[in-house]
Amino acid sequence: GALFYKKPPKTINSLYGYRTSRSMKNEQTWAFAHRYIGKLWLW
């Protein structure tokens, strides 16, 4: 949670990160999804 919230994975990949079809649309959705779920997981 802390890792995804502070430093989401820089590039979309199929190995590491929050990988759903919606989160992998582009870099903006990728970063948004990681920060969002990172904050939830952290708390």
PDB file of all heavy atoms in Angstrom:
ATOM      1  N   GLY A   1       0.824  -1.204   0.000  1.00  0.00           N
ATOM      2  CA  GLY A   1       0.000   0.000   0.000  1.00  0.00           C
ATOM      3  C   GLY A   1       0.854   1.249   0.000  1.00  0.00           C
ATOM      4  O   GLY A   1       0.634   2.172  -0.789  1.00  0.00           O
ATOM      5  N   ALA A   2       1.849   1.294   0.872  1.00  0.00           N
ATOM      6  CA  ALA A   2       2.750   2.450   0.933  1.00  0.00           C
ATOM      7  C   ALA A   2       3.531   2.590  -0.370  1.00  0.00           C
ATOM      8  O   ALA A   2       3.676   3.695  -0.904  1.00  0.00           O
ATOM      9  CB  ALA A   2       3.701   2.311   2.119  1.00  0.00           C
ATOM     10  N   LEU A   3       4.009   1.479  -0.891  1.00  0.00           N
ATOM     11  CA  LEU A   3       4.772   1.504  -2.140  1.00  0.00           C
ATOM     12  C   LEU A   3       3.914   2.001  -3.303  1.00  0.00           C
ATOM     13  O   LEU A   3       4.327   2.896  -4.055  1.00  0.00           O
ATOM     14  CB  LEU A   3       5.322   0.112  -2.445  1.00  0.00           C
ATOM     15  CG  LEU A   3       6.163  -0.020  -3.703  1.00  0.00           C
ATOM     16  CD1 LEU A   3       7.456   0.771  -3.557  1.00  0.00           C
ATOM     17  CD2 LEU A   3       6.466  -1.484  -3.978  1.00  0.00           C
ATOM     18  N   PHE A   4       2.721   1.455  -3.456  1.00  0.00           N
ATOM     19  CA  PHE A   4       1.851   1.859  -4.566  1.00  0.00           C
ATOM     20  C   PHE A   4       1.379   3.301  -4.415  1.00  0.00           C
ATOM     21  O   PHE A   4       1.229   4.016  -5.393  1.00  0.00           O
ATOM     22  CB  PHE A   4       0.641   0.936  -4.671  1.00  0.00           C
ATOM     23  CG  PHE A   4       0.931  -0.413  -5.258  1.00  0.00           C
ATOM     24  CD1 PHE A   4      -0.054  -1.381  -5.280  1.00  0.00           C
ATOM     25  CD2 PHE A   4       2.170  -0.742  -5.781  1.00  0.00           C
ATOM     26  CE1 PHE A   4       0.182  -2.630  -5.821  1.00  0.00           C
ATOM     27  CE2 PHE A   4       2.425  -1.993  -6.314  1.00  0.00           C
ATOM     28  CZ  PHE A   4       1.423  -2.943  -6.336  1.00  0.00           C
ATOM     29  N   TYR A   5       1.138   3.731  -3.195  1.00  0.00           N
ATOM     30  CA  TYR A   5       0.656   5.093  -2.965  1.00  0.00           C
ATOM     31  C   TYR A   5       1.760   6.118  -3.233  1.00  0.00           C
ATOM     32  O   TYR A   5       1.533   7.135  -3.872  1.00  0.00           O
ATOM     33  CB  TYR A   5       0.130   5.226  -1.531  1.00  0.00           C
ATOM     34  CG  TYR A   5      -0.451   6.576  -1.219  1.00  0.00           C
ATOM     35  CD1 TYR A   5      -1.595   7.023  -1.869  1.00  0.00           C
ATOM     36  CD2 TYR A   5       0.135   7.406  -0.278  1.00  0.00           C
ATOM     37  CE1 TYR A   5      -2.138   8.269  -1.584  1.00  0.00           C
ATOM     38  CE2 TYR A   5      -0.398   8.639   0.010  1.00  0.00           C
ATOM     39  CZ  TYR A   5      -1.530   9.072  -0.644  1.00  0.00           C
ATOM     40  OH  TYR A   5      -2.056  10.309  -0.364  1.00  0.00           O
ATOM     41  N   LYS A   6       2.958   5.850  -2.745  1.00  0.00           N
ATOM     42  CA  LYS A   6       4.065   6.804  -2.884  1.00  0.00           C
ATOM     43  C   LYS A   6       4.771   6.696  -4.233  1.00  0.00           C
ATOM     44  O   LYS A   6       5.122   7.705  -4.821  1.00  0.00           O
ATOM     45  CB  LYS A   6       5.106   6.578  -1.766  1.00  0.00           C
ATOM     46  CG  LYS A   6       4.562   6.785  -0.382  1.00  0.00           C
ATOM     47  CD  LYS A   6       4.511   8.234  -0.051  1.00  0.00           C
ATOM     48  CE  LYS A   6       4.091   8.390   1.405  1.00  0.00           C
ATOM     49  NZ  LYS A   6       3.771   9.718   1.763  1.00  0.00           N
ATOM     50  N   LYS A   7       5.022   5.476  -4.688  1.00  0.00           N
ATOM     51  CA  LYS A   7       5.771   5.262  -5.928  1.00  0.00           C
ATOM     52  C   LYS A   7       5.120   4.151  -6.747  1.00  0.00           C
ATOM     53  O   LYS A   7       5.597   3.023  -6.748  1.00  0.00           O
ATOM     54  CB  LYS A   7       7.214   4.877  -5.607  1.00  0.00           C
ATOM     55  CG  LYS A   7       8.032   5.978  -4.979  1.00  0.00           C
ATOM     56  CD  LYS A   7       9.406   5.478  -4.642  1.00  0.00           C
ATOM     57  CE  LYS A   7      10.356   5.977  -5.698  1.00  0.00           C
ATOM     58  NZ  LYS A   7      11.738   5.605  -5.439  1.00  0.00           N
ATOM     59  N   PRO A   8       4.016   4.461  -7.445  1.00  0.00           N
ATOM     60  CA  PRO A   8       3.399   3.415  -8.268  1.00  0.00           C
ATOM     61  C   PRO A   8       4.367   2.959  -9.359  1.00  0.00           C
ATOM     62  O   PRO A   8       5.255   3.733  -9.752  1.00  0.00           O
ATOM     63  CB  PRO A   8       2.169   4.105  -8.860  1.00  0.00           C
ATOM     64  CG  PRO A   8       2.361   5.558  -8.656  1.00  0.00           C
ATOM     65  CD  PRO A   8       3.360   5.741  -7.558  1.00  0.00           C
ATOM     66  N   PRO A   9       4.231   1.730  -9.820  1.00  0.00           N
ATOM     67  CA  PRO A   9       5.107   1.276 -10.911  1.00  0.00           C
ATOM     68  C   PRO A   9       5.029   2.257 -12.072  1.00  0.00           C
ATOM     69  O   PRO A   9       3.955   2.705 -12.459  1.00  0.00           O
ATOM     70  CB  PRO A   9       4.521  -0.087 -11.300  1.00  0.00           C
ATOM     71  CG  PRO A   9       3.774  -0.539 -10.092  1.00  0.00           C
ATOM     72  CD  PRO A   9       3.268   0.709  -9.440  1.00  0.00           C
ATOM     73  N   LYS A  10       6.180   2.621 -12.619  1.00  0.00           N
ATOM     74  CA  LYS A  10       6.250   3.664 -13.639  1.00  0.00           C
ATOM     75  C   LYS A  10       5.622   3.240 -14.965  1.00  0.00           C
ATOM     76  O   LYS A  10       5.002   4.059 -15.640  1.00  0.00           O
ATOM     77  CB  LYS A  10       7.699   4.077 -13.852  1.00  0.00           C
ATOM     78  CG  LYS A  10       8.318   4.670 -12.603  1.00  0.00           C
ATOM     79  CD  LYS A  10       9.104   5.895 -12.933  1.00  0.00           C
ATOM     80  CE  LYS A  10       9.779   6.460 -11.722  1.00  0.00           C
ATOM     81  NZ  LYS A  10       8.934   7.230 -10.873  1.00  0.00           N
ATOM     82  N   THR A  11       5.802   2.005 -15.331  1.00  0.00           N
ATOM     83  CA  THR A  11       5.280   1.562 -16.634  1.00  0.00           C
ATOM     84  C   THR A  11       4.252   0.454 -16.444  1.00  0.00           C
ATOM     85  O   THR A  11       4.336  -0.346 -15.513  1.00  0.00           O
ATOM     86  CB  THR A  11       6.413   1.042 -17.538  1.00  0.00           C
ATOM     87  OG1 THR A  11       7.088  -0.016 -16.868  1.00  0.00           O
ATOM     88  CG2 THR A  11       7.408   2.145 -17.869  1.00  0.00           C
ATOM     89  N   ILE A  12       3.310   0.422 -17.354  1.00  0.00           N
ATOM     90  CA  ILE A  12       2.299  -0.634 -17.347  1.00  0.00           C
ATOM     91  C   ILE A  12       2.988  -1.935 -17.724  1.00  0.00           C
ATOM     92  O   ILE A  12       3.719  -2.000 -18.714  1.00  0.00           O
ATOM     93  CB  ILE A  12       1.174  -0.307 -18.359  1.00  0.00           C
ATOM     94  CG1 ILE A  12       0.497   1.006 -17.972  1.00  0.00           C
ATOM     95  CG2 ILE A  12       0.176  -1.443 -18.444  1.00  0.00           C
ATOM     96  CD1 ILE A  12      -0.473   1.525 -19.012  1.00  0.00           C
ATOM     97  N   ASN A  13       2.770  -2.957 -16.919  1.00  0.00           N
ATOM     98  CA  ASN A  13       3.394  -4.253 -17.196  1.00  0.00           C
ATOM     99  C   ASN A  13       2.439  -5.352 -16.788  1.00  0.00           C
ATOM    100  O   ASN A  13       1.461  -5.109 -16.085  1.00  0.00           O
ATOM    101  CB  ASN A  13       4.730  -4.366 -16.454  1.00  0.00           C
ATOM    102  CG  ASN A  13       4.557  -4.368 -14.955  1.00  0.00           C
ATOM    103  OD1 ASN A  13       4.182  -5.387 -14.388  1.00  0.00           O
ATOM    104  ND2 ASN A  13       4.806  -3.229 -14.315  1.00  0.00           N
ATOM    105  N   SER A  14       2.720  -6.552 -17.219  1.00  0.00           N
ATOM    106  CA  SER A  14       1.832  -7.677 -16.907  1.00  0.00           C
ATOM    107  C   SER A  14       2.349  -8.528 -15.750  1.00  0.00           C
ATOM    108  O   SER A  14       1.790  -9.576 -15.463  1.00  0.00           O
ATOM    109  CB  SER A  14       1.646  -8.539 -18.151  1.00  0.00           C
ATOM    110  OG  SER A  14       2.903  -9.020 -18.585  1.00  0.00           O
ATOM    111  N   LEU A  15       3.412  -8.086 -15.088  1.00  0.00           N
ATOM    112  CA  LEU A  15       3.988  -8.883 -14.008  1.00  0.00           C
ATOM    113  C   LEU A  15       3.760  -8.311 -12.620  1.00  0.00           C
ATOM    114  O   LEU A  15       3.625  -9.056 -11.657  1.00  0.00           O
ATOM    115  CB  LEU A  15       5.503  -9.029 -14.231  1.00  0.00           C
ATOM    116  CG  LEU A  15       5.924  -9.785 -15.476  1.00  0.00           C
ATOM    117  CD1 LEU A  15       7.427  -9.778 -15.618  1.00  0.00           C
ATOM    118  CD2 LEU A  15       5.402 -11.211 -15.425  1.00  0.00           C
ATOM    119  N   TYR A  16       3.744  -7.000 -12.480  1.00  0.00           N
ATOM    120  CA  TYR A  16       3.775  -6.391 -11.157  1.00  0.00           C
ATOM    121  C   TYR A  16       2.827  -5.195 -11.106  1.00  0.00           C
ATOM    122  O   TYR A  16       2.858  -4.334 -11.971  1.00  0.00           O
ATOM    123  CB  TYR A  16       5.202  -5.931 -10.859  1.00  0.00           C
ATOM    124  CG  TYR A  16       5.350  -5.039  -9.671  1.00  0.00           C
ATOM    125  CD1 TYR A  16       5.200  -5.533  -8.387  1.00  0.00           C
ATOM    126  CD2 TYR A  16       5.648  -3.692  -9.827  1.00  0.00           C
ATOM    127  CE1 TYR A  16       5.338  -4.709  -7.284  1.00  0.00           C
ATOM    128  CE2 TYR A  16       5.797  -2.866  -8.734  1.00  0.00           C
ATOM    129  CZ  TYR A  16       5.640  -3.376  -7.465  1.00  0.00           C
ATOM    130  OH  TYR A  16       5.772  -2.559  -6.385  1.00  0.00           O
ATOM    131  N   GLY A  17       1.975  -5.179 -10.105  1.00  0.00           N
ATOM    132  CA  GLY A  17       1.099  -4.034  -9.915  1.00  0.00           C
ATOM    133  C   GLY A  17      -0.363  -4.416  -9.923  1.00  0.00           C
ATOM    134  O   GLY A  17      -0.734  -5.587 -10.002  1.00  0.00           O
ATOM    135  N   TYR A  18      -1.195  -3.380  -9.857  1.00  0.00           N
ATOM    136  CA  TYR A  18      -2.655  -3.551  -9.898  1.00  0.00           C
ATOM    137  C   TYR A  18      -3.038  -3.654 -11.365  1.00  0.00           C
ATOM    138  O   TYR A  18      -3.091  -2.662 -12.088  1.00  0.00           O
ATOM    139  CB  TYR A  18      -3.329  -2.352  -9.216  1.00  0.00           C
ATOM    140  CG  TYR A  18      -4.826  -2.441  -9.224  1.00  0.00           C
ATOM    141  CD1 TYR A  18      -5.487  -3.244  -8.310  1.00  0.00           C
ATOM    142  CD2 TYR A  18      -5.583  -1.741 -10.147  1.00  0.00           C
ATOM    143  CE1 TYR A  18      -6.867  -3.341  -8.315  1.00  0.00           C
ATOM    144  CE2 TYR A  18      -6.959  -1.819 -10.162  1.00  0.00           C
ATOM    145  CZ  TYR A  18      -7.587  -2.625  -9.243  1.00  0.00           C
ATOM    146  OH  TYR A  18      -8.954  -2.724  -9.255  1.00  0.00           O
ATOM    147  N   ARG A  19      -3.293  -4.882 -11.819  1.00  0.00           N
ATOM    148  CA  ARG A  19      -3.492  -5.135 -13.238  1.00  0.00           C
ATOM    149  C   ARG A  19      -4.930  -5.547 -13.538  1.00  0.00           C
ATOM    150  O   ARG A  19      -5.296  -6.707 -13.377  1.00  0.00           O
ATOM    151  CB  ARG A  19      -2.533  -6.229 -13.703  1.00  0.00           C
ATOM    152  CG  ARG A  19      -1.091  -5.868 -13.500  1.00  0.00           C
ATOM    153  CD  ARG A  19      -0.132  -6.990 -13.867  1.00  0.00           C
ATOM    154  NE  ARG A  19      -0.545  -8.309 -13.432  1.00  0.00           N
ATOM    155  CZ  ARG A  19      -0.235  -8.868 -12.282  1.00  0.00           C
ATOM    156  NH1 ARG A  19       0.484  -8.235 -11.413  1.00  0.00           N
ATOM    157  NH2 ARG A  19      -0.633 -10.081 -11.979  1.00  0.00           N
ATOM    158  N   THR A  20      -5.720  -4.598 -13.970  1.00  0.00           N
ATOM    159  CA  THR A  20      -7.051  -4.894 -14.484  1.00  0.00           C
ATOM    160  C   THR A  20      -7.135  -4.236 -15.855  1.00  0.00           C
ATOM    161  O   THR A  20      -6.318  -3.369 -16.193  1.00  0.00           O
ATOM    162  CB  THR A  20      -8.166  -4.342 -13.576  1.00  0.00           C
ATOM    163  OG1 THR A  20      -8.088  -2.924 -13.542  1.00  0.00           O
ATOM    164  CG2 THR A  20      -8.072  -4.904 -12.164  1.00  0.00           C
ATOM    165  N   SER A  21      -8.125  -4.627 -16.643  1.00  0.00           N
ATOM    166  CA  SER A  21      -8.226  -4.043 -17.985  1.00  0.00           C
ATOM    167  C   SER A  21      -8.429  -2.528 -17.901  1.00  0.00           C
ATOM    168  O   SER A  21      -7.887  -1.777 -18.709  1.00  0.00           O
ATOM    169  CB  SER A  21      -9.353  -4.702 -18.777  1.00  0.00           C
ATOM    170  OG  SER A  21     -10.587  -4.544 -18.121  1.00  0.00           O
ATOM    171  N   ARG A  22      -9.178  -2.067 -16.918  1.00  0.00           N
ATOM    172  CA  ARG A  22      -9.426  -0.624 -16.775  1.00  0.00           C
ATOM    173  C   ARG A  22      -8.171   0.114 -16.296  1.00  0.00           C
ATOM    174  O   ARG A  22      -7.877   1.205 -16.764  1.00  0.00           O
ATOM    175  CB  ARG A  22     -10.583  -0.389 -15.801  1.00  0.00           C
ATOM    176  CG  ARG A  22     -11.113   1.016 -15.836  1.00  0.00           C
ATOM    177  CD  ARG A  22     -12.310   1.182 -14.926  1.00  0.00           C
ATOM    178  NE  ARG A  22     -13.467   0.410 -15.325  1.00  0.00           N
ATOM    179  CZ  ARG A  22     -14.404   0.820 -16.178  1.00  0.00           C
ATOM    180  NH1 ARG A  22     -14.302   1.995 -16.739  1.00  0.00           N
ATOM    181  NH2 ARG A  22     -15.428   0.062 -16.472  1.00  0.00           N
ATOM    182  N   SER A  23      -7.419  -0.464 -15.379  1.00  0.00           N
ATOM    183  CA  SER A  23      -6.228   0.221 -14.864  1.00  0.00           C
ATOM    184  C   SER A  23      -5.090   0.238 -15.882  1.00  0.00           C
ATOM    185  O   SER A  23      -4.220   1.108 -15.814  1.00  0.00           O
ATOM    186  CB  SER A  23      -5.736  -0.430 -13.572  1.00  0.00           C
ATOM    187  OG  SER A  23      -5.170  -1.689 -13.810  1.00  0.00           O
ATOM    188  N   MET A  24      -5.098  -0.678 -16.831  1.00  0.00           N
ATOM    189  CA  MET A  24      -4.007  -0.778 -17.802  1.00  0.00           C
ATOM    190  C   MET A  24      -4.312  -0.045 -19.119  1.00  0.00           C
ATOM    191  O   MET A  24      -3.578  -0.218 -20.090  1.00  0.00           O
ATOM    192  CB  MET A  24      -3.690  -2.251 -18.060  1.00  0.00           C
ATOM    193  CG  MET A  24      -3.153  -2.959 -16.826  1.00  0.00           C
ATOM    194  SD  MET A  24      -2.901  -4.723 -17.032  1.00  0.00           S
ATOM    195  CE  MET A  24      -1.416  -4.723 -18.024  1.00  0.00           C
ATOM    196  N   LYS A  25      -5.337   0.797 -19.152  1.00  0.00           N
ATOM    197  CA  LYS A  25      -5.687   1.530 -20.387  1.00  0.00           C
ATOM    198  C   LYS A  25      -4.568   2.473 -20.820  1.00  0.00           C
ATOM    199  O   LYS A  25      -4.252   2.560 -21.988  1.00  0.00           O
ATOM    200  CB  LYS A  25      -6.967   2.347 -20.194  1.00  0.00           C
ATOM    201  CG  LYS A  25      -8.213   1.525 -20.022  1.00  0.00           C
ATOM    202  CD  LYS A  25      -8.700   0.987 -21.320  1.00  0.00           C
ATOM    203  CE  LYS A  25     -10.008   0.239 -21.087  1.00  0.00           C
ATOM    204  NZ  LYS A  25     -10.432  -0.481 -22.254  1.00  0.00           N
ATOM    205  N   ASN A  26      -4.004   3.223 -19.853  1.00  0.00           N
ATOM    206  CA  ASN A  26      -2.919   4.159 -20.156  1.00  0.00           C
ATOM    207  C   ASN A  26      -2.172   4.494 -18.871  1.00  0.00           C
ATOM    208  O   ASN A  26      -2.520   4.003 -17.798  1.00  0.00           O
ATOM    209  CB  ASN A  26      -3.454   5.424 -20.858  1.00  0.00           C
ATOM    210  CG  ASN A  26      -4.478   6.167 -20.027  1.00  0.00           C
ATOM    211  OD1 ASN A  26      -4.288   6.369 -18.828  1.00  0.00           O
ATOM    212  ND2 ASN A  26      -5.568   6.572 -20.651  1.00  0.00           N
ATOM    213  N   GLU A  27      -1.167   5.343 -18.998  1.00  0.00           N
ATOM    214  CA  GLU A  27      -0.339   5.697 -17.836  1.00  0.00           C
ATOM    215  C   GLU A  27      -1.142   6.412 -16.747  1.00  0.00           C
ATOM    216  O   GLU A  27      -0.877   6.236 -15.556  1.00  0.00           O
ATOM    217  CB  GLU A  27       0.849   6.564 -18.271  1.00  0.00           C
ATOM    218  CG  GLU A  27       1.810   5.884 -19.228  1.00  0.00           C
ATOM    219  CD  GLU A  27       2.552   4.708 -18.624  1.00  0.00           C
ATOM    220  OE1 GLU A  27       2.844   4.734 -17.405  1.00  0.00           O
ATOM    221  OE2 GLU A  27       2.834   3.750 -19.362  1.00  0.00           O
ATOM    222  N   GLN A  28      -2.126   7.241 -17.147  1.00  0.00           N
ATOM    223  CA  GLN A  28      -2.928   7.963 -16.158  1.00  0.00           C
ATOM    224  C   GLN A  28      -3.787   7.015 -15.329  1.00  0.00           C
ATOM    225  O   GLN A  28      -3.857   7.143 -14.103  1.00  0.00           O
ATOM    226  CB  GLN A  28      -3.832   8.990 -16.846  1.00  0.00           C
ATOM    227  CG  GLN A  28      -3.114  10.227 -17.312  1.00  0.00           C
ATOM    228  CD  GLN A  28      -4.095  11.187 -17.957  1.00  0.00           C
ATOM    229  OE1 GLN A  28      -4.831  10.818 -18.877  1.00  0.00           O
ATOM    230  NE2 GLN A  28      -4.119  12.411 -17.462  1.00  0.00           N
ATOM    231  N   THR A  29      -4.461   6.078 -15.983  1.00  0.00           N
ATOM    232  CA  THR A  29      -5.300   5.130 -15.249  1.00  0.00           C
ATOM    233  C   THR A  29      -4.436   4.223 -14.379  1.00  0.00           C
ATOM    234  O   THR A  29      -4.822   3.864 -13.264  1.00  0.00           O
ATOM    235  CB  THR A  29      -6.177   4.284 -16.193  1.00  0.00           C
ATOM    236  OG1 THR A  29      -5.337   3.591 -17.128  1.00  0.00           O
ATOM    237  CG2 THR A  29      -7.176   5.146 -16.945  1.00  0.00           C
ATOM    238  N   TRP A  30      -3.280   3.861 -14.895  1.00  0.00           N
ATOM    239  CA  TRP A  30      -2.334   3.006 -14.162  1.00  0.00           C
ATOM    240  C   TRP A  30      -1.893   3.678 -12.864  1.00  0.00           C
ATOM    241  O   TRP A  30      -1.979   3.103 -11.778  1.00  0.00           O
ATOM    242  CB  TRP A  30      -1.145   2.710 -15.069  1.00  0.00           C
ATOM    243  CG  TRP A  30      -0.061   1.851 -14.514  1.00  0.00           C
ATOM    244  CD1 TRP A  30       1.168   2.260 -14.090  1.00  0.00           C
ATOM    245  CD2 TRP A  30      -0.084   0.430 -14.338  1.00  0.00           C
ATOM    246  NE1 TRP A  30       1.905   1.187 -13.669  1.00  0.00           N
ATOM    247  CE2 TRP A  30       1.161   0.049 -13.821  1.00  0.00           C
ATOM    248  CE3 TRP A  30      -1.034  -0.553 -14.576  1.00  0.00           C
ATOM    249  CZ2 TRP A  30       1.490  -1.266 -13.523  1.00  0.00           C
ATOM    250  CZ3 TRP A  30      -0.708  -1.876 -14.279  1.00  0.00           C
ATOM    251  CH2 TRP A  30       0.534  -2.219 -13.759  1.00  0.00           C
ATOM    252  N   ALA A  31      -1.453   4.927 -12.963  1.00  0.00           N
ATOM    253  CA  ALA A  31      -0.989   5.659 -11.781  1.00  0.00           C
ATOM    254  C   ALA A  31      -2.149   5.915 -10.811  1.00  0.00           C
ATOM    255  O   ALA A  31      -1.995   5.754  -9.591  1.00  0.00           O
ATOM    256  CB  ALA A  31      -0.332   6.974 -12.197  1.00  0.00           C
ATOM    257  N   PHE A  32      -3.312   6.316 -11.334  1.00  0.00           N
ATOM    258  CA  PHE A  32      -4.469   6.593 -10.485  1.00  0.00           C
ATOM    259  C   PHE A  32      -4.872   5.350  -9.699  1.00  0.00           C
ATOM    260  O   PHE A  32      -5.090   5.411  -8.490  1.00  0.00           O
ATOM    261  CB  PHE A  32      -5.650   7.066 -11.343  1.00  0.00           C
ATOM    262  CG  PHE A  32      -6.901   7.287 -10.564  1.00  0.00           C
ATOM    263  CD1 PHE A  32      -7.146   8.515  -9.963  1.00  0.00           C
ATOM    264  CD2 PHE A  32      -7.843   6.280 -10.415  1.00  0.00           C
ATOM    265  CE1 PHE A  32      -8.309   8.729  -9.226  1.00  0.00           C
ATOM    266  CE2 PHE A  32      -9.002   6.472  -9.682  1.00  0.00           C
ATOM    267  CZ  PHE A  32      -9.234   7.701  -9.085  1.00  0.00           C
ATOM    268  N   ALA A  33      -4.973   4.212 -10.370  1.00  0.00           N
ATOM    269  CA  ALA A  33      -5.394   2.971  -9.715  1.00  0.00           C
ATOM    270  C   ALA A  33      -4.418   2.566  -8.616  1.00  0.00           C
ATOM    271  O   ALA A  33      -4.832   2.140  -7.534  1.00  0.00           O
ATOM    272  CB  ALA A  33      -5.532   1.851 -10.743  1.00  0.00           C
ATOM    273  N   HIS A  34      -3.130   2.715  -8.866  1.00  0.00           N
ATOM    274  CA  HIS A  34      -2.135   2.333  -7.851  1.00  0.00           C
ATOM    275  C   HIS A  34      -2.188   3.247  -6.640  1.00  0.00           C
ATOM    276  O   HIS A  34      -2.089   2.785  -5.503  1.00  0.00           O
ATOM    277  CB  HIS A  34      -0.728   2.306  -8.457  1.00  0.00           C
ATOM    278  CG  HIS A  34      -0.471   1.061  -9.218  1.00  0.00           C
ATOM    279  ND1 HIS A  34      -0.868   0.909 -10.526  1.00  0.00           N
ATOM    280  CD2 HIS A  34       0.088  -0.103  -8.848  1.00  0.00           C
ATOM    281  CE1 HIS A  34      -0.544  -0.297 -10.932  1.00  0.00           C
ATOM    282  NE2 HIS A  34       0.038  -0.940  -9.928  1.00  0.00           N
ATOM    283  N   ARG A  35      -2.327   4.542  -6.882  1.00  0.00           N
ATOM    284  CA  ARG A  35      -2.419   5.454  -5.737  1.00  0.00           C
ATOM    285  C   ARG A  35      -3.694   5.186  -4.944  1.00  0.00           C
ATOM    286  O   ARG A  35      -3.687   5.213  -3.716  1.00  0.00           O
ATOM    287  CB  ARG A  35      -2.355   6.907  -6.212  1.00  0.00           C
ATOM    288  CG  ARG A  35      -0.933   7.361  -6.500  1.00  0.00           C
ATOM    289  CD  ARG A  35      -0.825   8.852  -6.685  1.00  0.00           C
ATOM    290  NE  ARG A  35      -1.592   9.341  -7.816  1.00  0.00           N
ATOM    291  CZ  ARG A  35      -1.164   9.370  -9.065  1.00  0.00           C
ATOM    292  NH1 ARG A  35       0.052   8.932  -9.343  1.00  0.00           N
ATOM    293  NH2 ARG A  35      -1.914   9.826 -10.035  1.00  0.00           N
ATOM    294  N   TYR A  36      -4.784   4.912  -5.633  1.00  0.00           N
ATOM    295  CA  TYR A  36      -6.066   4.686  -4.967  1.00  0.00           C
ATOM    296  C   TYR A  36      -6.037   3.409  -4.119  1.00  0.00           C
ATOM    297  O   TYR A  36      -6.342   3.430  -2.934  1.00  0.00           O
ATOM    298  CB  TYR A  36      -7.190   4.625  -6.005  1.00  0.00           C
ATOM    299  CG  TYR A  36      -8.565   4.749  -5.418  1.00  0.00           C
ATOM    300  CD1 TYR A  36      -9.167   5.993  -5.305  1.00  0.00           C
ATOM    301  CD2 TYR A  36      -9.256   3.643  -4.959  1.00  0.00           C
ATOM    302  CE1 TYR A  36     -10.433   6.134  -4.749  1.00  0.00           C
ATOM    303  CE2 TYR A  36     -10.510   3.767  -4.400  1.00  0.00           C
ATOM    304  CZ  TYR A  36     -11.097   5.011  -4.305  1.00  0.00           C
ATOM    305  OH  TYR A  36     -12.347   5.132  -3.751  1.00  0.00           O
ATOM    306  N   ILE A  37      -5.659   2.302  -4.742  1.00  0.00           N
ATOM    307  CA  ILE A  37      -5.647   1.041  -3.987  1.00  0.00           C
ATOM    308  C   ILE A  37      -4.516   1.039  -2.961  1.00  0.00           C
ATOM    309  O   ILE A  37      -4.629   0.424  -1.895  1.00  0.00           O
ATOM    310  CB  ILE A  37      -5.586  -0.198  -4.899  1.00  0.00           C
ATOM    311  CG1 ILE A  37      -6.109  -1.420  -4.127  1.00  0.00           C
ATOM    312  CG2 ILE A  37      -4.187  -0.442  -5.440  1.00  0.00           C
ATOM    313  CD1 ILE A  37      -6.485  -2.588  -4.980  1.00  0.00           C
ATOM    314  N   GLY A  38      -3.425   1.749  -3.254  1.00  0.00           N
ATOM    315  CA  GLY A  38      -2.336   1.847  -2.290  1.00  0.00           C
ATOM    316  C   GLY A  38      -2.792   2.504  -0.998  1.00  0.00           C
ATOM    317  O   GLY A  38      -2.466   2.038   0.099  1.00  0.00           O
ATOM    318  N   LYS A  39      -3.557   3.587  -1.136  1.00  0.00           N
ATOM    319  CA  LYS A  39      -4.068   4.274   0.056  1.00  0.00           C
ATOM    320  C   LYS A  39      -5.017   3.365   0.832  1.00  0.00           C
ATOM    321  O   LYS A  39      -4.943   3.283   2.058  1.00  0.00           O
ATOM    322  CB  LYS A  39      -4.795   5.549  -0.362  1.00  0.00           C
ATOM    323  CG  LYS A  39      -5.199   6.425   0.775  1.00  0.00           C
ATOM    324  CD  LYS A  39      -5.812   7.720   0.254  1.00  0.00           C
ATOM    325  CE  LYS A  39      -6.151   8.663   1.372  1.00  0.00           C
ATOM    326  NZ  LYS A  39      -6.723   9.913   0.873  1.00  0.00           N
ATOM    327  N   LEU A  40      -5.897   2.649   0.115  1.00  0.00           N
ATOM    328  CA  LEU A  40      -6.820   1.724   0.784  1.00  0.00           C
ATOM    329  C   LEU A  40      -6.067   0.608   1.502  1.00  0.00           C
ATOM    330  O   LEU A  40      -6.355   0.295   2.658  1.00  0.00           O
ATOM    331  CB  LEU A  40      -7.805   1.131  -0.223  1.00  0.00           C
ATOM    332  CG  LEU A  40      -8.877   2.061  -0.769  1.00  0.00           C
ATOM    333  CD1 LEU A  40      -9.681   1.358  -1.851  1.00  0.00           C
ATOM    334  CD2 LEU A  40      -9.784   2.538   0.340  1.00  0.00           C
ATOM    335  N   TRP A  41      -5.109  -0.014   0.809  1.00  0.00           N
ATOM    336  CA  TRP A  41      -4.344  -1.099   1.424  1.00  0.00           C
ATOM    337  C   TRP A  41      -3.535  -0.616   2.618  1.00  0.00           C
ATOM    338  O   TRP A  41      -3.409  -1.328   3.612  1.00  0.00           O
ATOM    339  CB  TRP A  41      -3.422  -1.748   0.411  1.00  0.00           C
ATOM    340  CG  TRP A  41      -4.065  -2.837  -0.376  1.00  0.00           C
ATOM    341  CD1 TRP A  41      -5.270  -3.425  -0.153  1.00  0.00           C
ATOM    342  CD2 TRP A  41      -3.512  -3.472  -1.524  1.00  0.00           C
ATOM    343  NE1 TRP A  41      -5.500  -4.382  -1.097  1.00  0.00           N
ATOM    344  CE2 TRP A  41      -4.444  -4.436  -1.943  1.00  0.00           C
ATOM    345  CE3 TRP A  41      -2.334  -3.315  -2.230  1.00  0.00           C
ATOM    346  CZ2 TRP A  41      -4.215  -5.251  -3.048  1.00  0.00           C
ATOM    347  CZ3 TRP A  41      -2.115  -4.126  -3.329  1.00  0.00           C
ATOM    348  CH2 TRP A  41      -3.048  -5.084  -3.728  1.00  0.00           C
ATOM    349  N   LEU A  42      -2.984   0.565   2.520  1.00  0.00           N
ATOM    350  CA  LEU A  42      -2.193   1.100   3.623  1.00  0.00           C
ATOM    351  C   LEU A  42      -3.045   1.218   4.882  1.00  0.00           C
ATOM    352  O   LEU A  42      -2.671   0.715   5.949  1.00  0.00           O
ATOM    353  CB  LEU A  42      -1.616   2.459   3.226  1.00  0.00           C
ATOM    354  CG  LEU A  42      -0.720   3.150   4.226  1.00  0.00           C
ATOM    355  CD1 LEU A  42       0.503   2.312   4.545  1.00  0.00           C
ATOM    356  CD2 LEU A  42      -0.283   4.499   3.667  1.00  0.00           C
ATOM    357  N   TRP A  43      -4.207   1.845   4.777  1.00  0.00           N
ATOM    358  CA  TRP A  43      -5.068   2.035   5.947  1.00  0.00           C
ATOM    359  C   TRP A  43      -5.735   0.741   6.388  1.00  0.00           C
ATOM    360  O   TRP A  43      -5.768   0.436   7.587  1.00  0.00           O
ATOM    361  CB  TRP A  43      -6.112   3.120   5.674  1.00  0.00           C
ATOM    362  CG  TRP A  43      -5.462   4.460   5.615  1.00  0.00           C
ATOM    363  CD1 TRP A  43      -5.238   5.216   4.496  1.00  0.00           C
ATOM    364  CD2 TRP A  43      -4.888   5.189   6.697  1.00  0.00           C
ATOM    365  NE1 TRP A  43      -4.576   6.374   4.828  1.00  0.00           N
ATOM    366  CE2 TRP A  43      -4.347   6.374   6.179  1.00  0.00           C
ATOM    367  CE3 TRP A  43      -4.776   4.951   8.061  1.00  0.00           C
ATOM    368  CZ2 TRP A  43      -3.717   7.323   6.971  1.00  0.00           C
ATOM    369  CZ3 TRP A  43      -4.142   5.900   8.853  1.00  0.00           C
ATOM    370  CH2 TRP A  43      -3.624   7.068   8.309  1.00  0.00           C
TER     371      TRP A  43
END
